[in-house]
Each structure stands twice: as structure tokens, then as C-alpha cells.
């Protein structure tokens, strides 16, 4: 009878350990699935953030290019105005020189 009682106790203990191992395996599987979902979500978030950063850099580049073009246009316009002013000053200097020469001839 003692042997039967010991065998039943050993069997009960084995069943308890087996059940505990199954629960642990199920919990580990569940944790693994949750971790996988978390990593997948993090990957999607990272991809979205990367795309946003690329868009921001592209926009900044476009704005910088536009500002550069505006600066070139401004410099060109200022150069043209300076050339026009220099031409006017040259014409004025010619007239003044001509008048000075004419007044000396008299």
C-alpha cells in the first residue's frame, strides 16, 4: 500500500510539474508574440519617422535652393543697377569734361 501511495504522490508531483511547464511554455510563447508585435510596431514607427525626416530634409533643401536662386537674382539685379549707374556717371563725366573743354576754348 505504501508503494501505491508513493507512486500516486510521485505521479501527482509529475503532473503538477508538467502542468507548470506547460503554463510556462504558454507564457513564454505569449511573451514572444507580444515582443514580436512590439518590434513590428517599433519598426513601423521608425520607418515613419525616417520618412518624415527625409521629407523634412528634402523640403529644407528645396527652400535653400529657392533662397539661393532669389539671392542670385538679387545680386544680378544689383549688378545691373550698378552698371547702369556707372554708365550714367560715365555719361555725366563725359558731359562735364566736354563743357570744361568748351569753356577753356573760349
N, C-alpha and C. Protein backbone atom coordinates (compact mmCIF):
# COMPACT_ATOMS: atom_id res chain seq x y z
N UNK A 1 0.81 -1.19 0.00
CA UNK A 1 0.00 0.00 0.00
C UNK A 1 0.87 1.27 0.00
N UNK A 2 1.98 1.18 0.74
CA UNK A 2 2.88 2.32 0.78
C UNK A 2 3.41 2.61 -0.61
N UNK A 3 3.70 1.56 -1.35
CA UNK A 3 4.24 1.75 -2.69
C UNK A 3 3.23 2.42 -3.59
N UNK A 4 1.98 2.06 -3.45
CA UNK A 4 0.92 2.67 -4.26
C UNK A 4 0.78 4.13 -3.88
N UNK A 5 0.81 4.43 -2.60
CA UNK A 5 0.69 5.81 -2.13
C UNK A 5 1.87 6.64 -2.63
N UNK A 6 3.09 6.10 -2.56
CA UNK A 6 4.27 6.82 -3.04
C UNK A 6 4.17 7.01 -4.55
N UNK A 7 3.69 6.00 -5.27
CA UNK A 7 3.54 6.11 -6.72
C UNK A 7 2.51 7.17 -7.08
N UNK A 8 1.41 7.22 -6.35
CA UNK A 8 0.36 8.23 -6.60
C UNK A 8 0.91 9.62 -6.31
N UNK A 9 1.66 9.75 -5.23
CA UNK A 9 2.25 11.06 -4.89
C UNK A 9 3.26 11.49 -5.95
N UNK A 10 4.07 10.55 -6.40
CA UNK A 10 5.04 10.86 -7.44
C UNK A 10 4.35 11.24 -8.73
N UNK A 11 3.28 10.51 -9.05
CA UNK A 11 2.51 10.82 -10.26
C UNK A 11 1.85 12.20 -10.14
N UNK A 12 1.32 12.52 -8.99
CA UNK A 12 0.71 13.83 -8.76
C UNK A 12 1.75 14.93 -8.90
N UNK A 13 2.92 14.71 -8.32
CA UNK A 13 4.00 15.69 -8.41
C UNK A 13 4.44 15.86 -9.86
N UNK A 14 4.55 14.77 -10.59
CA UNK A 14 4.94 14.83 -12.00
C UNK A 14 3.91 15.60 -12.81
N UNK A 15 2.64 15.34 -12.56
CA UNK A 15 1.57 16.04 -13.27
C UNK A 15 1.61 17.54 -12.96
N UNK A 16 1.89 17.86 -11.70
CA UNK A 16 1.98 19.26 -11.29
C UNK A 16 3.12 19.95 -12.01
N UNK A 17 4.27 19.29 -12.06
CA UNK A 17 5.43 19.85 -12.75
C UNK A 17 5.16 19.99 -14.23
N UNK A 18 4.53 18.99 -14.82
CA UNK A 18 4.19 19.01 -16.24
C UNK A 18 3.23 20.16 -16.55
N UNK A 19 2.23 20.33 -15.73
CA UNK A 19 1.28 21.43 -15.91
C UNK A 19 1.99 22.77 -15.78
N UNK A 20 2.86 22.89 -14.80
CA UNK A 20 3.61 24.12 -14.59
C UNK A 20 4.50 24.43 -15.80
N UNK A 21 5.13 23.39 -16.35
CA UNK A 21 5.98 23.58 -17.52
C UNK A 21 5.15 24.02 -18.72
N UNK A 22 3.98 23.44 -18.88
CA UNK A 22 3.11 23.85 -20.00
C UNK A 22 2.70 25.31 -19.86
N UNK A 23 2.33 25.69 -18.63
CA UNK A 23 1.94 27.08 -18.40
C UNK A 23 3.11 28.01 -18.70
N UNK A 24 4.30 27.62 -18.27
CA UNK A 24 5.49 28.44 -18.52
C UNK A 24 5.75 28.54 -20.01
N UNK A 25 5.59 27.43 -20.73
CA UNK A 25 5.80 27.44 -22.18
C UNK A 25 4.76 28.33 -22.85
N UNK A 26 3.52 28.25 -22.40
CA UNK A 26 2.47 29.10 -22.98
C UNK A 26 2.75 30.57 -22.71
N UNK A 27 3.18 30.87 -21.48
CA UNK A 27 3.50 32.26 -21.14
C UNK A 27 4.70 32.75 -21.95
N UNK A 28 5.68 31.89 -22.14
CA UNK A 28 6.85 32.27 -22.94
C UNK A 28 6.45 32.53 -24.39
N UNK A 29 5.58 31.68 -24.91
CA UNK A 29 5.10 31.86 -26.29
C UNK A 29 4.33 33.18 -26.41
N UNK A 30 3.47 33.44 -25.43
CA UNK A 30 2.68 34.68 -25.43
C UNK A 30 3.61 35.90 -25.34
N UNK A 31 4.62 35.82 -24.48
CA UNK A 31 5.57 36.92 -24.35
C UNK A 31 6.34 37.12 -25.64
N UNK A 32 6.70 36.04 -26.28
CA UNK A 32 7.42 36.12 -27.55
C UNK A 32 6.57 36.79 -28.63
N UNK A 33 5.29 36.43 -28.68
CA UNK A 33 4.38 37.04 -29.65
C UNK A 33 4.21 38.53 -29.38
N UNK A 34 4.09 38.89 -28.09
CA UNK A 34 3.95 40.30 -27.73
C UNK A 34 5.22 41.08 -28.10
N UNK A 35 6.36 40.46 -27.86
CA UNK A 35 7.63 41.12 -28.21
C UNK A 35 7.73 41.29 -29.71
N UNK A 36 7.29 40.29 -30.45
CA UNK A 36 7.32 40.38 -31.91
C UNK A 36 6.43 41.52 -32.40
N UNK A 37 5.23 41.63 -31.82
CA UNK A 37 4.31 42.71 -32.19
C UNK A 37 4.91 44.07 -31.83
N UNK A 38 5.56 44.13 -30.67
CA UNK A 38 6.17 45.39 -30.24
C UNK A 38 7.29 45.80 -31.19
N UNK A 39 8.13 44.82 -31.57
CA UNK A 39 9.21 45.12 -32.51
C UNK A 39 8.67 45.53 -33.87
N UNK A 40 7.59 44.88 -34.29
CA UNK A 40 6.99 45.23 -35.58
C UNK A 40 6.45 46.67 -35.53
N UNK A 41 5.80 47.01 -34.44
CA UNK A 41 5.26 48.37 -34.29
C UNK A 41 6.41 49.39 -34.24
N UNK A 42 7.47 49.04 -33.50
CA UNK A 42 8.62 49.93 -33.42
C UNK A 42 9.25 50.12 -34.79
N UNK A 43 9.32 49.05 -35.57
CA UNK A 43 9.86 49.14 -36.93
C UNK A 43 9.02 50.06 -37.81
N UNK A 44 7.70 49.94 -37.68
CA UNK A 44 6.81 50.80 -38.46
C UNK A 44 6.98 52.26 -38.04
N UNK A 45 7.07 52.48 -36.72
CA UNK A 45 7.26 53.84 -36.22
C UNK A 45 8.59 54.42 -36.71
N UNK A 46 9.63 53.59 -36.68
CA UNK A 46 10.95 54.03 -37.14
C UNK A 46 10.92 54.35 -38.63
N UNK A 47 10.23 53.53 -39.40
CA UNK A 47 10.12 53.78 -40.84
C UNK A 47 9.38 55.09 -41.09
N UNK A 48 8.31 55.31 -40.35
CA UNK A 48 7.54 56.55 -40.49
C UNK A 48 8.39 57.76 -40.10
N UNK A 49 9.13 57.63 -39.01
CA UNK A 49 9.99 58.74 -38.58
C UNK A 49 11.07 59.02 -39.61
N UNK A 50 11.62 57.96 -40.19
CA UNK A 50 12.65 58.13 -41.22
C UNK A 50 12.06 58.84 -42.44
N UNK A 51 10.87 58.43 -42.84
CA UNK A 51 10.23 59.08 -43.99
C UNK A 51 9.95 60.56 -43.70
N UNK A 52 9.52 60.85 -42.48
CA UNK A 52 9.27 62.24 -42.09
C UNK A 52 10.58 63.04 -42.14
N UNK A 53 11.66 62.44 -41.66
CA UNK A 53 12.95 63.13 -41.68
C UNK A 53 13.42 63.37 -43.11
N UNK A 54 13.24 62.39 -43.97
CA UNK A 54 13.63 62.55 -45.38
C UNK A 54 12.81 63.67 -46.01
N UNK A 55 11.51 63.69 -45.73
CA UNK A 55 10.66 64.76 -46.28
C UNK A 55 11.11 66.13 -45.77
N UNK A 56 11.44 66.21 -44.48
CA UNK A 56 11.87 67.49 -43.91
C UNK A 56 13.19 67.95 -44.54
N UNK A 57 14.12 67.03 -44.73
CA UNK A 57 15.39 67.39 -45.35
C UNK A 57 15.18 67.82 -46.79
N UNK A 58 14.30 67.12 -47.49
CA UNK A 58 14.01 67.48 -48.89
C UNK A 58 13.38 68.88 -48.95
N UNK A 59 12.43 69.13 -48.04
CA UNK A 59 11.78 70.45 -48.02
C UNK A 59 12.80 71.54 -47.71
N UNK A 60 13.67 71.27 -46.74
CA UNK A 60 14.70 72.26 -46.39
C UNK A 60 15.64 72.50 -47.57
N UNK A 61 15.97 71.43 -48.30
CA UNK A 61 16.82 71.58 -49.49
C UNK A 61 16.14 72.41 -50.56
N UNK A 62 14.85 72.14 -50.77
CA UNK A 62 14.10 72.92 -51.76
C UNK A 62 14.04 74.39 -51.37
N UNK A 63 13.80 74.65 -50.07
CA UNK A 63 13.74 76.04 -49.60
C UNK A 63 15.10 76.72 -49.74
N UNK A 64 16.16 75.98 -49.43
CA UNK A 64 17.51 76.55 -49.56
C UNK A 64 17.81 76.86 -51.02
N UNK A 65 17.39 75.97 -51.91
CA UNK A 65 17.62 76.21 -53.34
C UNK A 65 16.86 77.45 -53.80
N UNK A 66 15.62 77.58 -53.34
CA UNK A 66 14.82 78.75 -53.71
C UNK A 66 15.45 80.03 -53.18
N UNK A 67 15.93 79.97 -51.93
CA UNK A 67 16.58 81.15 -51.36
C UNK A 67 17.86 81.48 -52.13
N UNK A 68 18.58 80.46 -52.54
CA UNK A 68 19.80 80.68 -53.34
C UNK A 68 19.48 81.33 -54.67
N UNK A 69 18.41 80.86 -55.30
CA UNK A 69 18.00 81.45 -56.58
C UNK A 69 17.60 82.91 -56.39
N UNK A 70 16.89 83.19 -55.31
CA UNK A 70 16.49 84.57 -55.03
C UNK A 70 17.73 85.44 -54.78
N UNK A 71 18.70 84.89 -54.07
CA UNK A 71 19.93 85.65 -53.81
C UNK A 71 20.66 85.93 -55.11
N UNK A 72 20.74 84.95 -55.99
CA UNK A 72 21.40 85.15 -57.28
C UNK A 72 20.68 86.22 -58.07
N UNK A 73 19.34 86.16 -58.08
CA UNK A 73 18.56 87.18 -58.79
C UNK A 73 18.82 88.56 -58.22
N UNK A 74 18.87 88.66 -56.89
CA UNK A 74 19.13 89.96 -56.25
C UNK A 74 20.51 90.48 -56.60
N UNK A 75 21.50 89.59 -56.56
CA UNK A 75 22.87 90.01 -56.91
C UNK A 75 22.94 90.44 -58.37
N UNK A 76 22.27 89.72 -59.22
CA UNK A 76 22.26 90.07 -60.65
C UNK A 76 21.61 91.44 -60.85
N UNK A 77 20.47 91.65 -60.17
CA UNK A 77 19.77 92.93 -60.30
C UNK A 77 20.64 94.07 -59.76
N UNK A 78 21.29 93.83 -58.62
CA UNK A 78 22.16 94.87 -58.05
C UNK A 78 23.32 95.16 -58.99
N UNK A 79 23.87 94.13 -59.60
CA UNK A 79 24.96 94.33 -60.56
C UNK A 79 24.51 95.13 -61.76
N UNK A 80 23.31 94.81 -62.26
CA UNK A 80 22.78 95.55 -63.41
C UNK A 80 22.54 97.01 -63.05
N UNK A 81 22.00 97.25 -61.85
CA UNK A 81 21.77 98.62 -61.40
C UNK A 81 23.09 99.36 -61.24
N UNK A 82 24.10 98.68 -60.71
CA UNK A 82 25.41 99.32 -60.55
C UNK A 82 26.01 99.66 -61.91
N UNK A 83 25.85 98.76 -62.87
CA UNK A 83 26.37 99.02 -64.21
C UNK A 83 25.64 100.21 -64.84
N UNK A 84 24.31 100.25 -64.67
CA UNK A 84 23.53 101.38 -65.20
C UNK A 84 23.99 102.68 -64.56
N UNK A 85 24.20 102.66 -63.25
CA UNK A 85 24.63 103.87 -62.54
C UNK A 85 26.02 104.28 -63.01
N UNK A 86 26.91 103.30 -63.18
CA UNK A 86 28.26 103.61 -63.66
C UNK A 86 28.20 104.21 -65.06
N UNK A 87 27.31 103.67 -65.88
CA UNK A 87 27.16 104.19 -67.25
C UNK A 87 26.67 105.63 -67.21
N UNK A 88 25.69 105.90 -66.34
CA UNK A 88 25.18 107.26 -66.19
C UNK A 88 26.30 108.19 -65.71
N UNK A 89 27.07 107.73 -64.75
CA UNK A 89 28.17 108.55 -64.23
C UNK A 89 29.21 108.81 -65.32
N UNK A 90 29.44 107.82 -66.15
CA UNK A 90 30.38 107.98 -67.27
C UNK A 90 29.88 109.02 -68.24
N UNK A 91 28.57 108.96 -68.53
CA UNK A 91 27.97 109.94 -69.44
C UNK A 91 28.06 111.34 -68.82
N UNK A 92 27.76 111.43 -67.52
CA UNK A 92 27.86 112.73 -66.83
C UNK A 92 29.29 113.25 -66.87
N UNK A 93 30.23 112.35 -66.64
CA UNK A 93 31.65 112.76 -66.66
C UNK A 93 32.04 113.23 -68.05
N UNK A 94 31.52 112.57 -69.06
CA UNK A 94 31.81 113.00 -70.44
C UNK A 94 31.29 114.41 -70.68
N UNK A 95 30.05 114.64 -70.25
CA UNK A 95 29.44 115.96 -70.46
C UNK A 95 30.20 117.04 -69.70
N UNK A 96 30.57 116.73 -68.45
CA UNK A 96 31.31 117.70 -67.65
C UNK A 96 32.66 117.99 -68.30
N UNK A 97 33.33 116.95 -68.77
CA UNK A 97 34.62 117.13 -69.42
C UNK A 97 34.47 117.95 -70.68
N UNK A 98 33.42 117.65 -71.46
CA UNK A 98 33.17 118.39 -72.70
C UNK A 98 32.90 119.87 -72.39
N UNK A 99 32.09 120.13 -71.39
CA UNK A 99 31.78 121.51 -71.03
C UNK A 99 33.05 122.22 -70.54
N UNK A 100 33.85 121.50 -69.77
CA UNK A 100 35.09 122.10 -69.28
C UNK A 100 36.03 122.44 -70.44
N UNK A 101 36.10 121.54 -71.40
CA UNK A 101 36.96 121.80 -72.57
C UNK A 101 36.41 122.95 -73.40
N UNK A 102 35.10 122.99 -73.54
CA UNK A 102 34.48 124.07 -74.31
C UNK A 102 34.73 125.40 -73.62
N UNK A 103 34.65 125.43 -72.30
CA UNK A 103 34.85 126.69 -71.60
C UNK A 103 36.32 127.11 -71.66
N UNK A 104 37.22 126.17 -71.76
CA UNK A 104 38.64 126.51 -71.87
C UNK A 104 38.93 127.06 -73.29
N UNK A 105 38.23 126.64 -74.29
CA UNK A 105 38.46 127.06 -75.67
C UNK A 105 37.98 128.51 -75.88
N UNK A 106 37.16 128.99 -75.15
CA UNK A 106 36.61 130.32 -75.36
C UNK A 106 37.56 131.35 -75.04
